[in-house]
């Protein structure tokens, strides 16, 4: 992947206590980065912090609590992060939920405290708020990068819901909603990259393909799509280390210098084993709006209007 030496760099990885987030934290700490690993579950986060530091014989990894499903908690985290750190060279918006059910703390159809459908709120609006609250630090640390988590699941979104961006009308956190959250992440990355041209900050979206992670343990398998995706994961899921590779490529590879806005990962096709192949390509999306920069910018601007009251609290 031609990863850069990350010594002296500060990296923030949301949802870093397990799966591809954990693998990303481990790899970036190996490259010398100071890694801030966030977790919703403090116990699991502390265990991940200790595991990486002990395995590397360093103290490069620090755990901080963060729940992206609550804007209040996002703001509190951002304030604490700014008090502890003065630089942020890489932000990886990794944390997310998928067809919530089973032992997940979310219930399908539930909304965040601010009224956002829970998957959209956790996977897109929470990370967007976090990004905006830390953006001046990221710009002040340039050259720097932001990486959003996309997914081939964007093909199930049905496009942008311009009349219901918050998902207030949704009564189920189904695959369509999950796909929409990932579509928005991809589009926001393209839009923000355009707005940050000339600042030294580049923004990417990455998708890991089908990867065996704890994410699927919390998927509602009573729903046909949840059962299908979980079965595909059991049969064809790759390791978390391989799944993390497109994220690491976007975060730290010199090969992507000057290529901000790219959507990096395996073939953006149906959810088959083929989505795990050739993970370092800039891929087209299936969804039309994501192919048009004007639509990406429109979504980004509308998102900021929704989040502006939260940013000013």
C-alpha atoms as a PDB file:
ATOM      1  CA  UNK A   1       0.000   0.000   0.000  1.00  0.00           C
ATOM      2  CA  UNK A   2       3.046   2.270   0.188  1.00  0.00           C
ATOM      3  CA  UNK A   3       1.992   3.641   3.578  1.00  0.00           C
ATOM      4  CA  UNK A   4       3.783   6.736   4.776  1.00  0.00           C
ATOM      5  CA  UNK A   5       5.791   6.897   7.979  1.00  0.00           C
ATOM      6  CA  UNK A   6       3.224   8.267  10.445  1.00  0.00           C
ATOM      7  CA  UNK A   7       5.649   9.210  13.218  1.00  0.00           C
ATOM      8  CA  UNK A   8       4.566  12.471  14.810  1.00  0.00           C
ATOM      9  CA  UNK A   9       1.089  12.241  13.280  1.00  0.00           C
ATOM     10  CA  UNK A  10      -2.154  12.139  15.247  1.00  0.00           C
ATOM     11  CA  UNK A  11      -4.909   9.861  13.925  1.00  0.00           C
ATOM     12  CA  UNK A  12      -8.491   9.563  15.167  1.00  0.00           C
ATOM     13  CA  UNK A  13     -10.360   6.318  14.390  1.00  0.00           C
ATOM     14  CA  UNK A  14     -13.999   6.061  15.449  1.00  0.00           C
ATOM     15  CA  UNK A  15     -15.235   2.593  16.389  1.00  0.00           C
ATOM     16  CA  UNK A  16     -11.695   1.335  16.873  1.00  0.00           C
ATOM     17  CA  UNK A  17     -12.300  -1.335  19.493  1.00  0.00           C
ATOM     18  CA  UNK A  18     -13.056  -4.182  17.059  1.00  0.00           C
ATOM     19  CA  UNK A  19     -13.150  -5.284  13.430  1.00  0.00           C
ATOM     20  CA  UNK A  20     -11.693  -3.091  10.701  1.00  0.00           C
ATOM     21  CA  UNK A  21     -11.444  -0.164  13.096  1.00  0.00           C
ATOM     22  CA  UNK A  22      -9.191  -2.160  15.418  1.00  0.00           C
ATOM     23  CA  UNK A  23      -7.116  -3.411  12.475  1.00  0.00           C
ATOM     24  CA  UNK A  24      -6.732   0.172  11.247  1.00  0.00           C
ATOM     25  CA  UNK A  25      -5.611   1.395  14.679  1.00  0.00           C
ATOM     26  CA  UNK A  26      -3.053  -1.398  14.970  1.00  0.00           C
ATOM     27  CA  UNK A  27      -1.615  -0.790  11.495  1.00  0.00           C
ATOM     28  CA  UNK A  28      -1.363   2.990  11.920  1.00  0.00           C
ATOM     29  CA  UNK A  29       0.217   2.647  15.368  1.00  0.00           C
ATOM     30  CA  UNK A  30       2.768   0.294  13.781  1.00  0.00           C
ATOM     31  CA  UNK A  31       3.543   3.105  11.334  1.00  0.00           C
ATOM     32  CA  UNK A  32       4.368   5.329  14.289  1.00  0.00           C
ATOM     33  CA  UNK A  33       1.161   7.338  14.590  1.00  0.00           C
ATOM     34  CA  UNK A  34      -0.371   8.530  17.834  1.00  0.00           C
ATOM     35  CA  UNK A  35      -3.772   6.853  17.517  1.00  0.00           C
ATOM     36  CA  UNK A  36      -6.900   7.932  19.360  1.00  0.00           C
ATOM     37  CA  UNK A  37      -9.271   4.968  19.343  1.00  0.00           C
ATOM     38  CA  UNK A  38     -12.905   5.701  20.155  1.00  0.00           C
ATOM     39  CA  UNK A  39     -15.458   3.257  21.491  1.00  0.00           C
ATOM     40  CA  UNK A  40     -19.010   3.449  22.728  1.00  0.00           C
ATOM     41  CA  UNK A  41     -18.265   0.699  25.255  1.00  0.00           C
ATOM     42  CA  UNK A  42     -15.463   1.952  27.524  1.00  0.00           C
ATOM     43  CA  UNK A  43     -14.517  -1.529  28.758  1.00  0.00           C
ATOM     44  CA  UNK A  44     -14.100  -2.871  25.223  1.00  0.00           C
ATOM     45  CA  UNK A  45     -12.254   0.267  24.202  1.00  0.00           C
ATOM     46  CA  UNK A  46      -9.795  -0.005  27.072  1.00  0.00           C
ATOM     47  CA  UNK A  47      -9.195  -3.665  26.247  1.00  0.00           C
ATOM     48  CA  UNK A  48      -8.421  -2.743  22.632  1.00  0.00           C
ATOM     49  CA  UNK A  49      -6.096   0.064  23.734  1.00  0.00           C
ATOM     50  CA  UNK A  50      -4.187  -2.282  26.040  1.00  0.00           C
ATOM     51  CA  UNK A  51      -4.020  -5.053  23.440  1.00  0.00           C
ATOM     52  CA  UNK A  52      -2.439  -2.837  20.786  1.00  0.00           C
ATOM     53  CA  UNK A  53      -0.037  -1.060  23.129  1.00  0.00           C
ATOM     54  CA  UNK A  54       1.147  -4.332  24.654  1.00  0.00           C
ATOM     55  CA  UNK A  55       1.571  -6.004  21.272  1.00  0.00           C
ATOM     56  CA  UNK A  56       3.680  -3.110  19.956  1.00  0.00           C
ATOM     57  CA  UNK A  57       5.472  -2.320  23.191  1.00  0.00           C
ATOM     58  CA  UNK A  58       4.439   1.331  22.968  1.00  0.00           C
ATOM     59  CA  UNK A  59       1.869   3.733  24.391  1.00  0.00           C
ATOM     60  CA  UNK A  60       0.860   5.096  20.995  1.00  0.00           C
ATOM     61  CA  UNK A  61      -2.832   4.229  21.360  1.00  0.00           C
ATOM     62  CA  UNK A  62      -5.247   6.167  23.560  1.00  0.00           C
ATOM     63  CA  UNK A  63      -8.918   5.287  24.059  1.00  0.00           C
ATOM     64  CA  UNK A  64     -11.660   7.902  24.303  1.00  0.00           C
ATOM     65  CA  UNK A  65     -15.391   7.312  24.735  1.00  0.00           C
ATOM     66  CA  UNK A  66     -17.673   8.373  21.857  1.00  0.00           C
ATOM     67  CA  UNK A  67     -21.273   7.620  20.902  1.00  0.00           C
ATOM     68  CA  UNK A  68     -22.013   9.005  17.445  1.00  0.00           C
ATOM     69  CA  UNK A  69     -25.740   8.433  17.934  1.00  0.00           C
ATOM     70  CA  UNK A  70     -25.934  11.428  20.290  1.00  0.00           C
ATOM     71  CA  UNK A  71     -25.019  14.951  19.198  1.00  0.00           C
ATOM     72  CA  UNK A  72     -24.478  15.952  22.836  1.00  0.00           C
ATOM     73  CA  UNK A  73     -21.893  13.194  23.193  1.00  0.00           C
ATOM     74  CA  UNK A  74     -20.241  14.133  19.897  1.00  0.00           C
ATOM     75  CA  UNK A  75     -19.860  17.726  21.088  1.00  0.00           C
ATOM     76  CA  UNK A  76     -18.493  16.605  24.467  1.00  0.00           C
ATOM     77  CA  UNK A  77     -16.006  14.329  22.758  1.00  0.00           C
ATOM     78  CA  UNK A  78     -14.831  17.054  20.369  1.00  0.00           C
ATOM     79  CA  UNK A  79     -14.300  19.446  23.288  1.00  0.00           C
ATOM     80  CA  UNK A  80     -12.293  16.854  25.219  1.00  0.00           C
ATOM     81  CA  UNK A  81     -10.263  15.911  22.149  1.00  0.00           C
ATOM     82  CA  UNK A  82      -9.329  19.556  21.547  1.00  0.00           C
ATOM     83  CA  UNK A  83      -8.245  19.899  25.161  1.00  0.00           C
ATOM     84  CA  UNK A  84      -5.945  16.881  24.870  1.00  0.00           C
ATOM     85  CA  UNK A  85      -4.557  17.386  21.363  1.00  0.00           C
ATOM     86  CA  UNK A  86      -3.512  20.308  19.209  1.00  0.00           C
ATOM     87  CA  UNK A  87      -3.151  18.432  15.909  1.00  0.00           C
ATOM     88  CA  UNK A  88      -5.240  15.995  13.869  1.00  0.00           C
ATOM     89  CA  UNK A  89      -3.638  14.655  10.714  1.00  0.00           C
ATOM     90  CA  UNK A  90      -6.083  11.867   9.865  1.00  0.00           C
ATOM     91  CA  UNK A  91      -9.747  11.419  10.795  1.00  0.00           C
ATOM     92  CA  UNK A  92     -11.248   8.018   9.957  1.00  0.00           C
ATOM     93  CA  UNK A  93     -15.037   7.993  10.307  1.00  0.00           C
ATOM     94  CA  UNK A  94     -15.290   4.233  10.705  1.00  0.00           C
ATOM     95  CA  UNK A  95     -17.936   3.614  13.390  1.00  0.00           C
ATOM     96  CA  UNK A  96     -21.417   2.639  12.265  1.00  0.00           C
ATOM     97  CA  UNK A  97     -24.368   0.287  12.624  1.00  0.00           C
ATOM     98  CA  UNK A  98     -25.952  -2.114  10.131  1.00  0.00           C
ATOM     99  CA  UNK A  99     -29.587  -3.275  10.100  1.00  0.00           C
ATOM    100  CA  UNK A 100     -29.803  -2.968  13.882  1.00  0.00           C
ATOM    101  CA  UNK A 101     -31.325  -5.873  15.749  1.00  0.00           C
ATOM    102  CA  UNK A 102     -30.242  -8.828  17.817  1.00  0.00           C
ATOM    103  CA  UNK A 103     -28.117  -7.657  20.730  1.00  0.00           C
ATOM    104  CA  UNK A 104     -27.635  -4.153  19.295  1.00  0.00           C
ATOM    105  CA  UNK A 105     -28.547  -1.301  21.642  1.00  0.00           C
ATOM    106  CA  UNK A 106     -30.562   0.285  18.844  1.00  0.00           C
ATOM    107  CA  UNK A 107     -34.004  -0.882  17.789  1.00  0.00           C
ATOM    108  CA  UNK A 108     -35.032  -0.829  14.144  1.00  0.00           C
ATOM    109  CA  UNK A 109     -37.124   2.232  13.441  1.00  0.00           C
ATOM    110  CA  UNK A 110     -35.831   4.082  16.485  1.00  0.00           C
ATOM    111  CA  UNK A 111     -34.611   7.678  16.294  1.00  0.00           C
ATOM    112  CA  UNK A 112     -31.694   9.470  17.919  1.00  0.00           C
ATOM    113  CA  UNK A 113     -32.352  11.990  20.720  1.00  0.00           C
ATOM    114  CA  UNK A 114     -32.318  14.710  18.056  1.00  0.00           C
ATOM    115  CA  UNK A 115     -34.968  12.990  15.919  1.00  0.00           C
ATOM    116  CA  UNK A 116     -32.778  11.426  13.229  1.00  0.00           C
ATOM    117  CA  UNK A 117     -33.440   7.851  12.117  1.00  0.00           C
ATOM    118  CA  UNK A 118     -30.921   5.852  14.147  1.00  0.00           C
ATOM    119  CA  UNK A 119     -28.847   4.453  11.270  1.00  0.00           C
ATOM    120  CA  UNK A 120     -28.669   7.779   9.429  1.00  0.00           C
ATOM    121  CA  UNK A 121     -27.910   9.579  12.686  1.00  0.00           C
ATOM    122  CA  UNK A 122     -25.139   7.183  13.714  1.00  0.00           C
ATOM    123  CA  UNK A 123     -23.554   6.455  10.322  1.00  0.00           C
ATOM    124  CA  UNK A 124     -23.782   9.877   8.688  1.00  0.00           C
ATOM    125  CA  UNK A 125     -24.981  12.864  10.699  1.00  0.00           C
ATOM    126  CA  UNK A 126     -22.958  12.054  13.830  1.00  0.00           C
ATOM    127  CA  UNK A 127     -19.705  11.661  11.850  1.00  0.00           C
ATOM    128  CA  UNK A 128     -20.499  14.804   9.870  1.00  0.00           C
ATOM    129  CA  UNK A 129     -20.938  16.796  13.076  1.00  0.00           C
ATOM    130  CA  UNK A 130     -17.689  15.384  14.443  1.00  0.00           C
ATOM    131  CA  UNK A 131     -15.857  16.271  11.223  1.00  0.00           C
ATOM    132  CA  UNK A 132     -17.131  19.845  11.251  1.00  0.00           C
ATOM    133  CA  UNK A 133     -16.268  20.351  14.922  1.00  0.00           C
ATOM    134  CA  UNK A 134     -12.671  19.218  14.296  1.00  0.00           C
ATOM    135  CA  UNK A 135     -12.208  20.632  10.806  1.00  0.00           C
ATOM    136  CA  UNK A 136     -10.127  23.643  11.827  1.00  0.00           C
ATOM    137  CA  UNK A 137      -7.697  21.291  13.616  1.00  0.00           C
ATOM    138  CA  UNK A 138      -7.490  19.103  10.521  1.00  0.00           C
ATOM    139  CA  UNK A 139      -6.811  22.116   8.290  1.00  0.00           C
ATOM    140  CA  UNK A 140      -4.239  23.400  10.759  1.00  0.00           C
ATOM    141  CA  UNK A 141      -2.435  20.033  10.582  1.00  0.00           C
ATOM    142  CA  UNK A 142      -2.206  19.874   6.772  1.00  0.00           C
ATOM    143  CA  UNK A 143      -1.223  17.891   4.834  1.00  0.00           C
ATOM    144  CA  UNK A 144      -4.040  15.843   6.322  1.00  0.00           C
ATOM    145  CA  UNK A 145      -6.820  13.481   5.330  1.00  0.00           C
ATOM    146  CA  UNK A 146     -10.392  12.564   6.175  1.00  0.00           C
ATOM    147  CA  UNK A 147     -11.740   9.082   5.370  1.00  0.00           C
ATOM    148  CA  UNK A 148     -15.462   8.244   5.364  1.00  0.00           C
ATOM    149  CA  UNK A 149     -16.748   4.671   5.292  1.00  0.00           C
ATOM    150  CA  UNK A 150     -18.754   3.935   2.166  1.00  0.00           C
ATOM    151  CA  UNK A 151     -20.205   0.631   1.035  1.00  0.00           C
ATOM    152  CA  UNK A 152     -21.434  -1.209  -2.048  1.00  0.00           C
ATOM    153  CA  UNK A 153     -24.718  -1.105  -0.134  1.00  0.00           C
ATOM    154  CA  UNK A 154     -25.236   2.395  -1.564  1.00  0.00           C
ATOM    155  CA  UNK A 155     -26.830   0.626  -4.518  1.00  0.00           C
ATOM    156  CA  UNK A 156     -29.828  -0.242  -2.326  1.00  0.00           C
ATOM    157  CA  UNK A 157     -30.453   3.359  -1.243  1.00  0.00           C
ATOM    158  CA  UNK A 158     -32.820   4.406  -4.006  1.00  0.00           C
ATOM    159  CA  UNK A 159     -31.005   7.742  -4.154  1.00  0.00           C
ATOM    160  CA  UNK A 160     -31.018  10.827  -1.953  1.00  0.00           C
ATOM    161  CA  UNK A 161     -34.192  11.479   0.048  1.00  0.00           C
ATOM    162  CA  UNK A 162     -34.204  15.210  -0.458  1.00  0.00           C
ATOM    163  CA  UNK A 163     -37.551  15.654   1.305  1.00  0.00           C
ATOM    164  CA  UNK A 164     -36.559  13.525   4.324  1.00  0.00           C
ATOM    165  CA  UNK A 165     -32.800  13.765   4.881  1.00  0.00           C
ATOM    166  CA  UNK A 166     -33.158  13.075   8.598  1.00  0.00           C
ATOM    167  CA  UNK A 167     -35.181   9.902   7.984  1.00  0.00           C
ATOM    168  CA  UNK A 168     -38.016  11.106  10.203  1.00  0.00           C
ATOM    169  CA  UNK A 169     -40.543   9.269   8.037  1.00  0.00           C
ATOM    170  CA  UNK A 170     -38.678   5.960   8.269  1.00  0.00           C
ATOM    171  CA  UNK A 171     -40.237   3.276  10.424  1.00  0.00           C
ATOM    172  CA  UNK A 172     -37.566   0.618   9.869  1.00  0.00           C
ATOM    173  CA  UNK A 173     -33.779   0.672   9.745  1.00  0.00           C
ATOM    174  CA  UNK A 174     -33.704  -1.547   6.688  1.00  0.00           C
ATOM    175  CA  UNK A 175     -31.068  -2.086   3.987  1.00  0.00           C
ATOM    176  CA  UNK A 176     -32.389   0.913   2.099  1.00  0.00           C
ATOM    177  CA  UNK A 177     -31.655   3.170   5.070  1.00  0.00           C
ATOM    178  CA  UNK A 178     -28.217   1.617   5.589  1.00  0.00           C
ATOM    179  CA  UNK A 179     -27.437   2.085   1.899  1.00  0.00           C
ATOM    180  CA  UNK A 180     -28.604   5.686   2.130  1.00  0.00           C
ATOM    181  CA  UNK A 181     -26.254   6.378   5.056  1.00  0.00           C
ATOM    182  CA  UNK A 182     -23.335   5.039   3.029  1.00  0.00           C
ATOM    183  CA  UNK A 183     -24.374   6.959  -0.075  1.00  0.00           C
ATOM    184  CA  UNK A 184     -24.410  10.165   1.962  1.00  0.00           C
ATOM    185  CA  UNK A 185     -20.919   9.406   3.304  1.00  0.00           C
ATOM    186  CA  UNK A 186     -19.576   8.979  -0.212  1.00  0.00           C
ATOM    187  CA  UNK A 187     -21.249  12.141  -1.480  1.00  0.00           C
ATOM    188  CA  UNK A 188     -20.163  14.202   1.527  1.00  0.00           C
ATOM    189  CA  UNK A 189     -16.552  13.116   1.005  1.00  0.00           C
ATOM    190  CA  UNK A 190     -16.645  14.288  -2.602  1.00  0.00           C
ATOM    191  CA  UNK A 191     -18.261  17.582  -1.658  1.00  0.00           C
ATOM    192  CA  UNK A 192     -15.966  18.330   1.275  1.00  0.00           C
ATOM    193  CA  UNK A 193     -12.914  17.479  -0.795  1.00  0.00           C
ATOM    194  CA  UNK A 194     -14.056  20.028  -3.371  1.00  0.00           C
ATOM    195  CA  UNK A 195     -14.590  22.691  -0.713  1.00  0.00           C
ATOM    196  CA  UNK A 196     -11.166  22.046   0.841  1.00  0.00           C
ATOM    197  CA  UNK A 197      -9.126  22.273  -2.342  1.00  0.00           C
ATOM    198  CA  UNK A 198      -6.042  24.360  -1.743  1.00  0.00           C
ATOM    199  CA  UNK A 199      -6.013  23.753   2.024  1.00  0.00           C
ATOM    200  CA  UNK A 200      -3.827  20.647   2.014  1.00  0.00           C
ATOM    201  CA  UNK A 201      -6.706  18.478   3.249  1.00  0.00           C
ATOM    202  CA  UNK A 202      -7.928  15.606   1.073  1.00  0.00           C
ATOM    203  CA  UNK A 203     -11.118  13.654   1.689  1.00  0.00           C
ATOM    204  CA  UNK A 204     -11.802  10.074   0.606  1.00  0.00           C
ATOM    205  CA  UNK A 205     -14.440   7.407   1.041  1.00  0.00           C
ATOM    206  CA  UNK A 206     -13.504   3.746   1.316  1.00  0.00           C
ATOM    207  CA  UNK A 207     -15.376   0.482   1.433  1.00  0.00           C
ATOM    208  CA  UNK A 208     -13.908  -2.714   2.883  1.00  0.00           C
ATOM    209  CA  UNK A 209     -15.979  -5.276   0.998  1.00  0.00           C
ATOM    210  CA  UNK A 210     -17.524  -8.192   2.887  1.00  0.00           C
ATOM    211  CA  UNK A 211     -15.521  -8.493   6.081  1.00  0.00           C
ATOM    212  CA  UNK A 212     -15.999 -10.749   9.085  1.00  0.00           C
ATOM    213  CA  UNK A 213     -16.488  -8.259  11.914  1.00  0.00           C
ATOM    214  CA  UNK A 214     -18.739  -7.921  14.996  1.00  0.00           C
ATOM    215  CA  UNK A 215     -20.919  -5.534  12.958  1.00  0.00           C
ATOM    216  CA  UNK A 216     -22.891  -8.488  11.599  1.00  0.00           C
ATOM    217  CA  UNK A 217     -23.424  -9.965  15.065  1.00  0.00           C
ATOM    218  CA  UNK A 218     -25.835  -7.104  15.705  1.00  0.00           C
ATOM    219  CA  UNK A 219     -27.623  -7.359  12.355  1.00  0.00           C
ATOM    220  CA  UNK A 220     -31.334  -8.202  12.436  1.00  0.00           C
ATOM    221  CA  UNK A 221     -31.322 -11.648  10.839  1.00  0.00           C
ATOM    222  CA  UNK A 222     -35.118 -11.901  10.946  1.00  0.00           C
ATOM    223  CA  UNK A 223     -35.157  -9.552   7.932  1.00  0.00           C
ATOM    224  CA  UNK A 224     -34.453 -11.130   4.507  1.00  0.00           C
ATOM    225  CA  UNK A 225     -31.631  -8.718   3.641  1.00  0.00           C
ATOM    226  CA  UNK A 226     -30.093  -9.051   7.094  1.00  0.00           C
ATOM    227  CA  UNK A 227     -30.121 -12.840   6.777  1.00  0.00           C
ATOM    228  CA  UNK A 228     -28.657 -12.687   3.253  1.00  0.00           C
ATOM    229  CA  UNK A 229     -25.830 -10.326   4.166  1.00  0.00           C
ATOM    230  CA  UNK A 230     -24.980 -12.276   7.320  1.00  0.00           C
ATOM    231  CA  UNK A 231     -24.898 -15.520   5.318  1.00  0.00           C
ATOM    232  CA  UNK A 232     -22.678 -13.939   2.653  1.00  0.00           C
ATOM    233  CA  UNK A 233     -20.380 -12.735   5.405  1.00  0.00           C
ATOM    234  CA  UNK A 234     -20.172 -16.201   6.952  1.00  0.00           C
ATOM    235  CA  UNK A 235     -19.326 -17.759   3.576  1.00  0.00           C
ATOM    236  CA  UNK A 236     -17.156 -15.118   1.941  1.00  0.00           C
ATOM    237  CA  UNK A 237     -16.145 -12.681   4.663  1.00  0.00           C
ATOM    238  CA  UNK A 238     -12.494 -11.683   4.547  1.00  0.00           C
ATOM    239  CA  UNK A 239     -10.268 -10.892   7.512  1.00  0.00           C
ATOM    240  CA  UNK A 240     -10.552  -7.565   9.290  1.00  0.00           C
ATOM    241  CA  UNK A 241      -6.939  -6.856   8.320  1.00  0.00           C
ATOM    242  CA  UNK A 242      -7.723  -7.193   4.623  1.00  0.00           C
ATOM    243  CA  UNK A 243     -10.976  -5.285   5.018  1.00  0.00           C
ATOM    244  CA  UNK A 244      -9.070  -2.412   6.606  1.00  0.00           C
ATOM    245  CA  UNK A 245      -6.668  -2.130   3.677  1.00  0.00           C
ATOM    246  CA  UNK A 246      -8.714   0.358   1.581  1.00  0.00           C
ATOM    247  CA  UNK A 247      -9.144   2.530   4.684  1.00  0.00           C
ATOM    248  CA  UNK A 248      -5.411   2.488   5.390  1.00  0.00           C
ATOM    249  CA  UNK A 249      -4.702   3.209   1.737  1.00  0.00           C
ATOM    250  CA  UNK A 250      -6.891   6.310   1.903  1.00  0.00           C
ATOM    251  CA  UNK A 251      -5.491   7.371   5.264  1.00  0.00           C
ATOM    252  CA  UNK A 252      -1.782   7.018   4.690  1.00  0.00           C
ATOM    253  CA  UNK A 253      -0.697   5.954   1.191  1.00  0.00           C
ATOM    254  CA  UNK A 254       1.423   8.357  -0.816  1.00  0.00           C
ATOM    255  CA  UNK A 255      -0.111   6.846  -3.952  1.00  0.00           C
ATOM    256  CA  UNK A 256      -3.294   8.873  -3.325  1.00  0.00           C
ATOM    257  CA  UNK A 257      -1.636  12.274  -2.981  1.00  0.00           C
ATOM    258  CA  UNK A 258      -3.688  14.715  -5.058  1.00  0.00           C
ATOM    259  CA  UNK A 259      -6.511  12.225  -5.641  1.00  0.00           C
ATOM    260  CA  UNK A 260      -8.983  13.422  -3.008  1.00  0.00           C
ATOM    261  CA  UNK A 261     -12.638  12.675  -3.638  1.00  0.00           C
ATOM    262  CA  UNK A 262     -11.936   9.099  -4.705  1.00  0.00           C
ATOM    263  CA  UNK A 263     -14.203   6.242  -3.603  1.00  0.00           C
ATOM    264  CA  UNK A 264     -11.699   3.467  -2.961  1.00  0.00           C
ATOM    265  CA  UNK A 265     -12.411  -0.245  -2.649  1.00  0.00           C
ATOM    266  CA  UNK A 266     -13.290  -3.427  -4.465  1.00  0.00           C
ATOM    267  CA  UNK A 267     -15.779  -3.616  -7.340  1.00  0.00           C
ATOM    268  CA  UNK A 268     -18.950  -1.721  -6.437  1.00  0.00           C
ATOM    269  CA  UNK A 269     -21.254  -4.541  -7.491  1.00  0.00           C
ATOM    270  CA  UNK A 270     -23.768  -6.859  -5.847  1.00  0.00           C
ATOM    271  CA  UNK A 271     -22.833  -8.134  -2.408  1.00  0.00           C
ATOM    272  CA  UNK A 272     -20.793 -11.126  -3.559  1.00  0.00           C
ATOM    273  CA  UNK A 273     -17.255 -12.319  -2.867  1.00  0.00           C
ATOM    274  CA  UNK A 274     -16.191 -10.242  -5.872  1.00  0.00           C
ATOM    275  CA  UNK A 275     -16.613  -7.099  -3.786  1.00  0.00           C
ATOM    276  CA  UNK A 276     -13.438  -8.152  -1.963  1.00  0.00           C
ATOM    277  CA  UNK A 277     -11.229  -8.077  -5.057  1.00  0.00           C
ATOM    278  CA  UNK A 278      -8.866  -5.332  -6.232  1.00  0.00           C
ATOM    279  CA  UNK A 279      -9.352  -3.083  -3.206  1.00  0.00           C
ATOM    280  CA  UNK A 280      -7.266  -0.105  -4.290  1.00  0.00           C
ATOM    281  CA  UNK A 281      -9.266   1.339  -7.161  1.00  0.00           C
ATOM    282  CA  UNK A 282     -11.330   4.498  -7.486  1.00  0.00           C
ATOM    283  CA  UNK A 283     -14.810   3.069  -8.102  1.00  0.00           C
ATOM    284  CA  UNK A 284     -17.942   4.509  -9.616  1.00  0.00           C
ATOM    285  CA  UNK A 285     -21.143   4.342  -7.633  1.00  0.00           C
ATOM    286  CA  UNK A 286     -24.411   2.869  -8.824  1.00  0.00           C
ATOM    287  CA  UNK A 287     -26.377   5.837  -7.511  1.00  0.00           C
ATOM    288  CA  UNK A 288     -26.673   8.707  -9.965  1.00  0.00           C
ATOM    289  CA  UNK A 289     -26.515  11.561  -7.457  1.00  0.00           C
ATOM    290  CA  UNK A 290     -23.081  10.445  -6.240  1.00  0.00           C
ATOM    291  CA  UNK A 291     -21.744  10.788  -9.787  1.00  0.00           C
ATOM    292  CA  UNK A 292     -22.650  14.466  -9.955  1.00  0.00           C
ATOM    293  CA  UNK A 293     -20.635  16.969  -7.935  1.00  0.00           C
ATOM    294  CA  UNK A 294     -23.509  19.476  -7.880  1.00  0.00           C
ATOM    295  CA  UNK A 295     -25.719  16.922  -6.093  1.00  0.00           C
ATOM    296  CA  UNK A 296     -22.915  16.088  -3.660  1.00  0.00           C
ATOM    297  CA  UNK A 297     -22.461  19.783  -2.853  1.00  0.00           C
ATOM    298  CA  UNK A 298     -26.213  20.243  -2.446  1.00  0.00           C
ATOM    299  CA  UNK A 299     -26.389  17.353   0.042  1.00  0.00           C
ATOM    300  CA  UNK A 300     -23.405  18.687   1.970  1.00  0.00           C
ATOM    301  CA  UNK A 301     -24.848  22.195   2.202  1.00  0.00           C
ATOM    302  CA  UNK A 302     -28.251  20.920   3.319  1.00  0.00           C
ATOM    303  CA  UNK A 303     -26.542  18.730   5.913  1.00  0.00           C
ATOM    304  CA  UNK A 304     -24.676  21.721   7.302  1.00  0.00           C
ATOM    305  CA  UNK A 305     -27.935  23.657   7.585  1.00  0.00           C
ATOM    306  CA  UNK A 306     -29.397  20.829   9.655  1.00  0.00           C
ATOM    307  CA  UNK A 307     -26.295  20.589  11.828  1.00  0.00           C
ATOM    308  CA  UNK A 308     -25.615  24.305  12.233  1.00  0.00           C
ATOM    309  CA  UNK A 309     -27.682  24.667  15.438  1.00  0.00           C
ATOM    310  CA  UNK A 310     -25.780  21.721  16.916  1.00  0.00           C
ATOM    311  CA  UNK A 311     -22.401  23.202  15.995  1.00  0.00           C
ATOM    312  CA  UNK A 312     -23.268  26.500  17.690  1.00  0.00           C
ATOM    313  CA  UNK A 313     -24.388  25.022  21.021  1.00  0.00           C
END
